[in-house]
Amino acid sequence: MPELPEVEHVVRALRSAIVGRRIVASEIKLPKLILPLSQSLFNRKLKGATITGVTRRGKFILIEIEPFAALPDGRATAPRRGLQKPARQQGLVLVVHLRMTGKFLSLSAEDVLPKHAHAIFYLDNDRRLVFCDQRQFGVMKLVRRTALTKTKGISELAPEPFGEDFSLAYLKATLARSGRTLKTLLLDQTKVLGLGNIYAAEALFRAGVSPFKEAAGLSSKRVERLRQAILDVLNDAISDSSTSRVNLEQPNGFSYGEAFERFWQVYEREGEPCVNCGARIRRIAHGGRSTYWCPKCQRR
C-alpha cells in the first residue's frame, strides 16, 4: 500500500501533468468509486472545469478544480480570478485515496485503455487521465473547497509531519494521553500522520526505542529523538525520488517502496544482523502487523 512518501511522489507527478488543463469530459466505469454522487451529476460538475492545483493531506490526493461559471446570457465560461461566483460554482476538490492498488495514468488518445480503468478524465490536450484500481478499494469524493477540512476522513487527521503543528509539545501530549504501545499508536493517522508499517519500524529503530514500550512511559528525551527520527525517515523516503518511481505515462512504470528497500535497516530483515550492533533482527505479529526490531538497540 502506498504510504505518505509514495503519495507525495504521485502528487508531484500529477501536478506536472494536469495542472492548467481543462476537463472536456469524464467517464466513470465503477459507480461505487464516487458514491454517494451519481455518475451523471459527477460528470456534469466536472465538464469544462479547469484543474488549478494538486496537493496532499496525509495520504489523500487533493485535485483542485474551478468549474465553469454561467454568464447572464446562459453561455459558460471558466471563472476568472477576482470575479464573484455563484454559490453552486464554488471551487471544488476531487479527493482521492489510492488505498491498496489505486494509481493514475496519463495516456494519449491512441493508447490502449488498461485493465481496471474505473475513471477516465478527457483533457483539452487530447490526453486522458485514467484512474485504475485492481482491488477496487480506492475512493473519490467531489467536495466544495470550503468544506474540505470538515470532510470525513480528512477532518480526523493528525497534523502534517512537516508542518509547525507537529511540534515536540504536540507529540509529548499525544503520547502521554495514550495507553497503547508506541508501534500501534504511530500507525494511527489521527495521532501521528504519515507512518505506515514500514516507516514506523524504521523510525523506531532510528530513535532506539522499543515498538512495544507504552507510549505514555516514553521519556522527554526519547520523545524528542522519536520525533526527529519520524521526520528524518519520511524526508529520506521523499528526497531524491528514493521511495517511488512514478511515470504516469507508463502503465507498468509504478513502483511503491521498491526503490527504498536498500535504505531499510530493520523492515523485512528478520534474522539478519543489525547494522549497528550485529544482533539478529527479530519479527513478531503485533497489533495485527509484522513488527521488526533489534532486541539490543531497542530494549524496553
Protein backbone atom coordinates (compact mmCIF):
# COMPACT_ATOMS: atom_id res chain seq x y z
CA MET A 1 0.00 0.00 0.00
CA PRO A 2 1.38 3.44 -0.85
CA GLU A 3 2.38 5.44 2.21
CA LEU A 4 2.80 9.20 2.59
CA PRO A 5 6.11 9.47 0.69
CA GLU A 6 4.71 7.47 -2.23
CA VAL A 7 1.59 9.63 -2.32
CA GLU A 8 3.79 12.75 -2.31
CA HIS A 9 5.53 11.49 -5.44
CA VAL A 10 2.19 10.80 -7.13
CA VAL A 11 1.09 14.35 -6.27
CA ARG A 12 4.24 15.80 -7.83
CA ALA A 13 3.78 13.75 -10.99
CA LEU A 14 0.12 14.76 -11.29
CA ARG A 15 0.96 18.41 -10.68
CA SER A 16 3.32 18.38 -13.62
CA ALA A 17 0.90 16.54 -15.92
CA ILE A 18 -2.54 18.06 -15.32
CA VAL A 19 -2.41 21.48 -13.64
CA GLY A 20 -3.81 24.10 -16.01
CA ARG A 21 -5.64 21.54 -18.13
CA ARG A 22 -9.39 21.69 -18.74
CA ILE A 23 -11.58 18.61 -18.29
CA VAL A 24 -13.51 18.19 -21.55
CA ALA A 25 -15.49 15.22 -20.22
CA SER A 26 -15.27 12.43 -17.66
CA GLU A 27 -16.40 8.81 -17.60
CA ILE A 28 -16.98 6.60 -14.56
CA LYS A 29 -16.94 2.83 -15.14
CA LEU A 30 -17.21 1.84 -11.46
CA PRO A 31 -20.16 3.68 -9.87
CA LYS A 32 -19.21 2.84 -6.26
CA LEU A 33 -15.95 4.74 -6.73
CA ILE A 34 -17.73 8.10 -6.47
CA LEU A 35 -20.63 7.31 -4.12
CA PRO A 36 -22.84 8.96 -2.98
CA LEU A 37 -22.75 11.10 -6.16
CA SER A 38 -24.40 9.71 -9.28
CA GLN A 39 -22.35 9.36 -12.46
CA SER A 40 -24.41 11.99 -14.27
CA LEU A 41 -24.01 14.59 -11.51
CA PHE A 42 -20.30 13.86 -11.13
CA ASN A 43 -19.70 14.22 -14.87
CA ARG A 44 -21.79 17.36 -15.07
CA LYS A 45 -19.88 19.08 -12.24
CA LEU A 46 -16.53 18.35 -13.90
CA LYS A 47 -17.37 19.10 -17.52
CA GLY A 48 -15.43 22.14 -18.70
CA ALA A 49 -13.72 22.64 -15.33
CA THR A 50 -10.07 23.68 -15.04
CA ILE A 51 -7.57 21.85 -12.83
CA THR A 52 -5.83 24.56 -10.81
CA GLY A 53 -3.67 22.57 -8.39
CA VAL A 54 -2.75 19.21 -6.89
CA THR A 55 -1.86 18.91 -3.20
CA ARG A 56 -1.98 16.30 -0.44
CA ARG A 57 -3.42 15.88 3.06
CA GLY A 58 -1.97 12.78 4.63
CA LYS A 59 -2.48 10.04 2.05
CA PHE A 60 -5.37 11.86 0.39
CA ILE A 61 -4.66 13.39 -3.02
CA LEU A 62 -6.44 16.74 -3.47
CA ILE A 63 -7.10 17.81 -7.07
CA GLU A 64 -8.33 21.42 -7.02
CA ILE A 65 -10.89 22.31 -9.67
CA GLU A 66 -12.54 25.52 -10.86
CA PRO A 67 -15.90 24.84 -12.56
CA PHE A 68 -17.27 26.84 -15.45
CA ALA A 69 -19.38 29.80 -14.39
CA ALA A 70 -22.59 30.73 -16.16
CA LEU A 71 -22.83 34.14 -17.84
CA PRO A 72 -26.09 36.13 -17.79
CA ASP A 73 -26.85 35.07 -21.38
CA GLY A 74 -26.56 31.42 -20.45
CA ARG A 75 -23.17 30.82 -22.01
CA ALA A 76 -20.44 29.13 -19.94
CA THR A 77 -17.00 30.46 -19.24
CA ALA A 78 -14.13 29.49 -16.97
CA PRO A 79 -14.21 31.68 -13.83
CA ARG A 80 -11.67 34.47 -13.78
CA ARG A 81 -9.67 35.42 -10.75
CA GLY A 82 -11.38 38.14 -8.74
CA LEU A 83 -14.88 37.55 -10.16
CA GLN A 84 -17.64 36.59 -7.75
CA LYS A 85 -19.01 33.13 -8.50
CA PRO A 86 -22.49 31.84 -7.70
CA ALA A 87 -22.62 29.52 -4.69
CA ARG A 88 -23.13 26.49 -6.92
CA GLN A 89 -19.93 27.36 -8.82
CA GLN A 90 -17.62 27.47 -5.81
CA GLY A 91 -14.23 25.81 -6.22
CA LEU A 92 -14.27 22.04 -5.91
CA VAL A 93 -11.75 19.47 -4.75
CA LEU A 94 -11.58 15.93 -6.08
CA VAL A 95 -10.42 13.98 -3.02
CA VAL A 96 -8.75 10.69 -3.96
CA HIS A 97 -7.44 7.89 -1.76
CA LEU A 98 -5.43 5.24 -3.62
CA ARG A 99 -5.86 2.60 -0.90
CA MET A 100 -4.04 -0.61 -1.85
CA THR A 101 -3.79 -0.68 -5.65
CA GLY A 102 -5.09 2.64 -6.96
CA LYS A 103 -2.95 4.53 -9.46
CA PHE A 104 -3.21 7.32 -12.03
CA LEU A 105 -2.02 7.10 -15.63
CA SER A 106 -1.66 9.79 -18.29
CA LEU A 107 -2.50 8.27 -21.67
CA SER A 108 -2.78 9.57 -25.22
CA ALA A 109 -5.92 9.11 -27.28
CA GLU A 110 -4.22 6.21 -29.11
CA ASP A 111 -3.05 4.30 -26.02
CA VAL A 112 -4.97 1.14 -25.16
CA LEU A 113 -7.05 1.55 -22.04
CA PRO A 114 -5.56 -0.73 -19.35
CA LYS A 115 -7.45 -3.24 -17.25
CA HIS A 116 -9.27 -2.00 -14.16
CA ALA A 117 -9.66 1.54 -15.56
CA HIS A 118 -12.52 2.88 -13.43
CA ALA A 119 -12.40 6.64 -14.08
CA ILE A 120 -11.34 8.48 -17.24
CA PHE A 121 -10.87 12.24 -17.48
CA TYR A 122 -10.58 13.58 -21.04
CA LEU A 123 -8.35 16.66 -21.05
CA ASP A 124 -8.06 19.54 -23.50
CA ASN A 125 -4.60 18.46 -24.69
CA ASP A 126 -6.01 15.22 -26.18
CA ARG A 127 -4.72 13.17 -23.26
CA ARG A 128 -6.65 11.08 -20.76
CA LEU A 129 -6.07 10.96 -17.02
CA VAL A 130 -7.06 7.42 -16.03
CA PHE A 131 -7.61 6.02 -12.55
CA CYS A 132 -7.00 2.27 -12.30
CA ASP A 133 -7.61 0.10 -9.25
CA GLN A 134 -7.37 -3.68 -9.41
CA ARG A 135 -8.72 -4.28 -5.88
CA GLN A 136 -11.43 -1.60 -6.19
CA PHE A 137 -10.75 -0.14 -2.73
CA GLY A 138 -9.92 3.36 -3.99
CA VAL A 139 -12.21 6.28 -3.20
CA MET A 140 -13.10 9.56 -4.97
CA LYS A 141 -15.10 12.35 -3.38
CA LEU A 142 -16.06 15.64 -5.00
CA VAL A 143 -16.40 18.29 -2.29
CA ARG A 144 -16.59 22.06 -2.07
CA ARG A 145 -13.24 23.61 -1.25
CA THR A 146 -14.75 25.45 1.71
CA ALA A 147 -15.94 22.15 3.18
CA LEU A 148 -12.70 20.23 2.69
CA THR A 149 -11.47 20.42 6.29
CA LYS A 150 -14.82 19.05 7.50
CA THR A 151 -14.82 16.11 5.09
CA LYS A 152 -14.93 12.68 6.72
CA GLY A 153 -11.52 11.04 6.62
CA ILE A 154 -9.70 14.36 6.43
CA SER A 155 -11.17 16.15 9.43
CA GLU A 156 -9.85 13.48 11.81
CA LEU A 157 -6.23 13.52 10.57
CA ALA A 158 -3.30 14.46 12.80
CA PRO A 159 -1.08 17.43 11.85
CA GLU A 160 1.15 17.10 8.79
CA PRO A 161 4.56 15.80 9.92
CA PHE A 162 6.48 18.62 8.23
CA GLY A 163 4.16 21.34 9.50
CA GLU A 164 4.58 23.54 12.54
CA ASP A 165 1.70 21.83 14.36
CA PHE A 166 3.65 18.56 14.57
CA SER A 167 5.74 20.03 17.36
CA LEU A 168 7.62 18.36 20.18
CA ALA A 169 4.92 19.60 22.56
CA TYR A 170 2.21 18.04 20.39
CA LEU A 171 3.94 14.65 20.26
CA LYS A 172 4.64 14.65 24.01
CA ALA A 173 1.00 15.40 24.79
CA THR A 174 -0.25 12.80 22.29
CA LEU A 175 1.94 10.04 23.71
CA ALA A 176 1.16 10.98 27.31
CA ARG A 177 -2.58 10.57 26.73
CA SER A 178 -2.28 7.13 25.16
CA GLY A 179 -2.48 3.72 26.79
CA ARG A 180 -1.21 1.94 23.69
CA THR A 181 2.23 0.73 22.69
CA LEU A 182 4.35 3.02 20.53
CA LYS A 183 4.04 0.93 17.36
CA THR A 184 0.25 0.78 17.40
CA LEU A 185 -0.03 4.49 18.18
CA LEU A 186 2.34 5.52 15.39
CA LEU A 187 0.13 3.73 12.86
CA ASP A 188 -2.93 5.72 13.95
CA GLN A 189 -3.26 8.52 11.38
CA THR A 190 -5.39 10.55 13.78
CA LYS A 191 -2.44 10.74 16.22
CA VAL A 192 0.70 10.69 14.07
CA LEU A 193 0.33 11.24 10.35
CA GLY A 194 2.28 9.63 7.55
CA LEU A 195 3.73 6.47 9.08
CA GLY A 196 2.72 3.10 7.70
CA ASN A 197 4.17 -0.21 8.84
CA ILE A 198 7.50 0.30 7.05
CA TYR A 199 8.24 3.83 8.20
CA ALA A 200 7.03 3.23 11.76
CA ALA A 201 9.51 0.35 12.11
CA GLU A 202 12.33 2.40 10.61
CA ALA A 203 11.60 5.49 12.73
CA LEU A 204 11.51 3.47 15.97
CA PHE A 205 14.80 1.83 15.08
CA ARG A 206 16.48 5.15 14.31
CA ALA A 207 15.22 6.52 17.62
CA GLY A 208 16.46 3.46 19.51
CA VAL A 209 13.03 2.89 21.04
CA SER A 210 11.21 -0.40 21.54
CA PRO A 211 7.99 -0.70 19.50
CA PHE A 212 6.40 -2.46 22.48
CA LYS A 213 7.01 0.27 25.04
CA GLU A 214 3.90 2.06 26.32
CA ALA A 215 3.65 5.44 24.65
CA ALA A 216 2.84 7.27 27.87
CA GLY A 217 6.02 5.99 29.51
CA LEU A 218 8.46 7.44 26.98
CA SER A 219 10.89 9.96 28.45
CA SER A 220 11.06 13.52 27.12
CA LYS A 221 14.50 12.88 25.66
CA ARG A 222 13.28 9.83 23.75
CA VAL A 223 10.17 11.63 22.54
CA GLU A 224 12.45 14.24 21.03
CA ARG A 225 14.57 11.53 19.38
CA LEU A 226 11.46 9.80 18.07
CA ARG A 227 10.04 12.99 16.55
CA GLN A 228 13.31 13.69 14.77
CA ALA A 229 13.51 10.08 13.54
CA ILE A 230 9.98 10.35 12.09
CA LEU A 231 10.93 13.50 10.20
CA ASP A 232 14.21 12.01 9.02
CA VAL A 233 12.81 8.75 7.70
CA LEU A 234 9.94 10.46 5.86
CA ASN A 235 12.27 13.08 4.42
CA ASP A 236 14.77 10.42 3.30
CA ALA A 237 11.96 8.46 1.65
CA ILE A 238 10.70 11.50 -0.25
CA SER A 239 14.03 13.02 -1.27
CA ASP A 240 15.85 12.05 -4.46
CA SER A 241 12.85 10.02 -5.66
CA SER A 242 14.11 7.21 -3.44
CA THR A 243 10.74 5.78 -2.49
CA SER A 244 8.85 5.57 -5.73
CA ARG A 245 9.48 5.99 -9.41
CA VAL A 246 6.25 7.41 -10.78
CA ASN A 247 5.87 7.67 -14.53
CA LEU A 248 2.24 8.44 -15.33
CA GLU A 249 2.75 7.58 -18.99
CA GLN A 250 3.91 4.02 -18.33
CA PRO A 251 1.15 1.58 -17.22
CA ASN A 252 3.81 -0.64 -15.63
CA GLY A 253 6.01 2.23 -14.52
CA PHE A 254 4.75 2.48 -10.97
CA SER A 255 6.75 1.15 -8.04
CA TYR A 256 5.76 1.71 -4.44
CA GLY A 257 8.54 1.32 -1.91
CA GLU A 258 10.72 -0.95 -4.03
CA ALA A 259 13.45 1.61 -4.64
CA PHE A 260 13.56 2.43 -0.92
CA GLU A 261 14.29 -1.15 0.15
CA ARG A 262 18.04 -0.53 0.10
CA PHE A 263 17.54 2.02 2.90
CA TRP A 264 15.61 -0.34 5.19
CA GLN A 265 17.53 -1.09 8.37
CA VAL A 266 15.05 -3.40 10.11
CA TYR A 267 11.93 -3.85 7.98
CA GLU A 268 11.79 -7.33 6.38
CA ARG A 269 15.28 -8.09 7.69
CA GLU A 270 14.33 -10.82 10.17
CA GLY A 271 17.35 -12.92 11.10
CA GLU A 272 19.85 -10.53 9.51
CA PRO A 273 22.49 -8.75 11.62
CA CYS A 274 21.65 -5.29 12.93
CA VAL A 275 23.55 -2.58 11.07
CA ASN A 276 24.52 -1.01 14.41
CA CYS A 277 25.30 -3.83 16.84
CA GLY A 278 25.21 -7.10 14.88
CA ALA A 279 22.36 -8.65 16.88
CA ARG A 280 19.80 -10.57 14.85
CA ILE A 281 16.76 -8.59 13.76
CA ARG A 282 13.56 -10.09 15.11
CA ARG A 283 9.96 -10.11 13.89
CA ILE A 284 6.67 -10.66 15.68
CA ALA A 285 3.00 -10.11 14.87
CA HIS A 286 1.97 -7.08 16.90
CA GLY A 287 -1.30 -5.24 16.55
CA GLY A 288 -2.14 -7.37 13.54
CA ARG A 289 1.00 -6.30 11.66
CA SER A 290 4.55 -7.63 11.36
CA THR A 291 6.87 -5.70 13.66
CA TYR A 292 10.64 -5.74 13.13
CA TRP A 293 13.14 -4.57 15.74
CA CYS A 294 16.61 -5.07 17.13
CA PRO A 295 16.41 -6.61 20.61
CA LYS A 296 19.67 -4.94 21.66
CA CYS A 297 19.34 -1.43 20.19
CA GLN A 298 15.64 -1.18 21.03
CA ARG A 299 15.40 -2.55 24.55
CA ARG A 300 12.30 -1.64 26.54
